[in-house]
C-alpha atoms as a PDB file:
ATOM      1  CA  MET A   1     224.019 -98.173  89.264  1.00  0.00           C
ATOM      2  CA  PRO A   2     226.330 -96.904  92.128  1.00  0.00           C
ATOM      3  CA  ILE A   3     227.736 -93.966  90.032  1.00  0.00           C
ATOM      4  CA  VAL A   4     225.367 -90.716  90.998  1.00  0.00           C
ATOM      5  CA  VAL A   5     225.912 -87.703  88.331  1.00  0.00           C
ATOM      6  CA  ASP A   6     225.462 -84.148  90.255  1.00  0.00           C
ATOM      7  CA  ILE A   7     225.453 -81.940  87.158  1.00  0.00           C
ATOM      8  CA  ASP A   8     222.145 -80.356  88.200  1.00  0.00           C
ATOM      9  CA  VAL A   9     223.866 -79.483  91.349  1.00  0.00           C
ATOM     10  CA  MET A  10     226.821 -77.776  89.490  1.00  0.00           C
ATOM     11  CA  LEU A  11     224.249 -76.221  87.034  1.00  0.00           C
ATOM     12  CA  ALA A  12     222.461 -74.905  90.324  1.00  0.00           C
ATOM     13  CA  LYS A  13     225.854 -73.497  91.629  1.00  0.00           C
ATOM     14  CA  ARG A  14     226.836 -71.614  88.189  1.00  0.00           C
ATOM     15  CA  LYS A  15     223.139 -70.290  87.599  1.00  0.00           C
ATOM     16  CA  MET A  16     223.106 -71.875  84.200  1.00  0.00           C
ATOM     17  CA  SER A  17     220.742 -73.820  82.278  1.00  0.00           C
ATOM     18  CA  VAL A  18     220.682 -77.380  80.895  1.00  0.00           C
ATOM     19  CA  GLY A  19     219.890 -75.737  77.180  1.00  0.00           C
ATOM     20  CA  GLU A  20     223.078 -73.028  77.933  1.00  0.00           C
ATOM     21  CA  LEU A  21     225.313 -75.956  79.330  1.00  0.00           C
ATOM     22  CA  ALA A  22     224.467 -78.309  76.280  1.00  0.00           C
ATOM     23  CA  ASP A  23     225.318 -75.211  73.876  1.00  0.00           C
ATOM     24  CA  ARG A  24     228.928 -74.483  75.401  1.00  0.00           C
ATOM     25  CA  VAL A  25     230.063 -78.247  75.677  1.00  0.00           C
ATOM     26  CA  GLY A  26     228.529 -79.051  72.224  1.00  0.00           C
ATOM     27  CA  ILE A  27     226.231 -81.855  73.132  1.00  0.00           C
ATOM     28  CA  THR A  28     222.324 -82.126  72.152  1.00  0.00           C
ATOM     29  CA  PRO A  29     220.096 -81.068  75.227  1.00  0.00           C
ATOM     30  CA  ALA A  30     218.739 -84.613  75.001  1.00  0.00           C
ATOM     31  CA  ASN A  31     221.953 -86.157  75.621  1.00  0.00           C
ATOM     32  CA  LEU A  32     222.669 -84.074  78.281  1.00  0.00           C
ATOM     33  CA  ALA A  33     219.476 -84.960  79.933  1.00  0.00           C
ATOM     34  CA  VAL A  34     220.612 -88.601  79.400  1.00  0.00           C
ATOM     35  CA  LEU A  35     223.599 -88.169  81.512  1.00  0.00           C
ATOM     36  CA  LYS A  36     222.501 -85.537  83.954  1.00  0.00           C
ATOM     37  CA  ASN A  37     219.273 -88.272  84.969  1.00  0.00           C
ATOM     38  CA  GLY A  38     221.996 -90.933  85.685  1.00  0.00           C
ATOM     39  CA  ARG A  39     220.325 -92.716  82.366  1.00  0.00           C
ATOM     40  CA  ALA A  40     224.116 -92.814  80.283  1.00  0.00           C
ATOM     41  CA  LYS A  41     226.006 -96.045  80.325  1.00  0.00           C
ATOM     42  CA  ALA A  42     229.063 -94.319  79.370  1.00  0.00           C
ATOM     43  CA  VAL A  43     230.966 -90.721  79.336  1.00  0.00           C
ATOM     44  CA  ARG A  44     233.321 -89.591  77.020  1.00  0.00           C
ATOM     45  CA  PHE A  45     236.659 -88.399  78.737  1.00  0.00           C
ATOM     46  CA  ALA A  46     236.190 -85.365  76.200  1.00  0.00           C
ATOM     47  CA  THR A  47     232.896 -84.728  77.046  1.00  0.00           C
ATOM     48  CA  LEU A  48     233.684 -85.047  81.100  1.00  0.00           C
ATOM     49  CA  SER A  49     236.827 -82.770  80.041  1.00  0.00           C
ATOM     50  CA  ALA A  50     234.231 -79.817  78.525  1.00  0.00           C
ATOM     51  CA  LEU A  51     231.528 -80.213  81.225  1.00  0.00           C
ATOM     52  CA  CYS A  52     234.513 -79.608  84.044  1.00  0.00           C
ATOM     53  CA  GLU A  53     235.989 -76.645  81.865  1.00  0.00           C
ATOM     54  CA  VAL A  54     232.515 -75.080  81.204  1.00  0.00           C
ATOM     55  CA  LEU A  55     231.599 -75.453  84.724  1.00  0.00           C
ATOM     56  CA  GLU A  56     234.843 -74.799  86.093  1.00  0.00           C
ATOM     57  CA  CYS A  57     234.991 -77.881  88.276  1.00  0.00           C
ATOM     58  CA  GLN A  58     236.663 -81.057  88.812  1.00  0.00           C
ATOM     59  CA  PRO A  59     235.088 -84.833  87.642  1.00  0.00           C
ATOM     60  CA  GLY A  60     234.388 -85.647  91.316  1.00  0.00           C
ATOM     61  CA  ASP A  61     232.122 -82.557  91.481  1.00  0.00           C
ATOM     62  CA  LEU A  62     230.000 -83.974  88.549  1.00  0.00           C
ATOM     63  CA  LEU A  63     230.557 -87.986  89.263  1.00  0.00           C
ATOM     64  CA  ARG A  64     230.295 -89.695  92.648  1.00  0.00           C
ATOM     65  CA  TRP A  65     230.146 -93.342  93.783  1.00  0.00           C
ATOM     66  CA  GLU A  66     227.306 -94.324  96.174  1.00  0.00           C
ATOM     67  CA  PRO A  67     226.623 -98.021  97.694  1.00  0.00           C
ATOM     68  CA  ALA A  68     223.550 -99.326  97.084  1.00  0.00           C
ATOM     69  CA  GLU A  69     222.397-100.003 100.511  1.00  0.00           C
ATOM     70  CA  MET A  70     222.920 -95.780 100.684  1.00  0.00           C
ATOM     71  CA  ARG A  71     220.793 -95.379  97.838  1.00  0.00           C
ATOM     72  CA  ASP A  72     218.133 -98.200  98.851  1.00  0.00           C
ATOM     73  CA  ALA A  73     217.714 -96.209 102.042  1.00  0.00           C
ATOM     74  CA  PHE A  74     216.578 -93.001 100.708  1.00  0.00           C
ATOM     75  CA  THR A  75     213.974 -94.618  98.289  1.00  0.00           C
END
């Protein structure tokens, strides 16, 4: 999928664990892992908003579009 999820980057910048983020956002660590690892098919705006609030960032800091050719070059 051409949408890349950079939650792990923001977690590192904020020195926050996945478990802490999940607790503060109000989702399970398993569901956060699905989103973080790019396996989610969708994300609710309420969840995205909560992630941005807790991580003090913009949606574009968490999600980005990357052309398939670019991804394939690095795998």
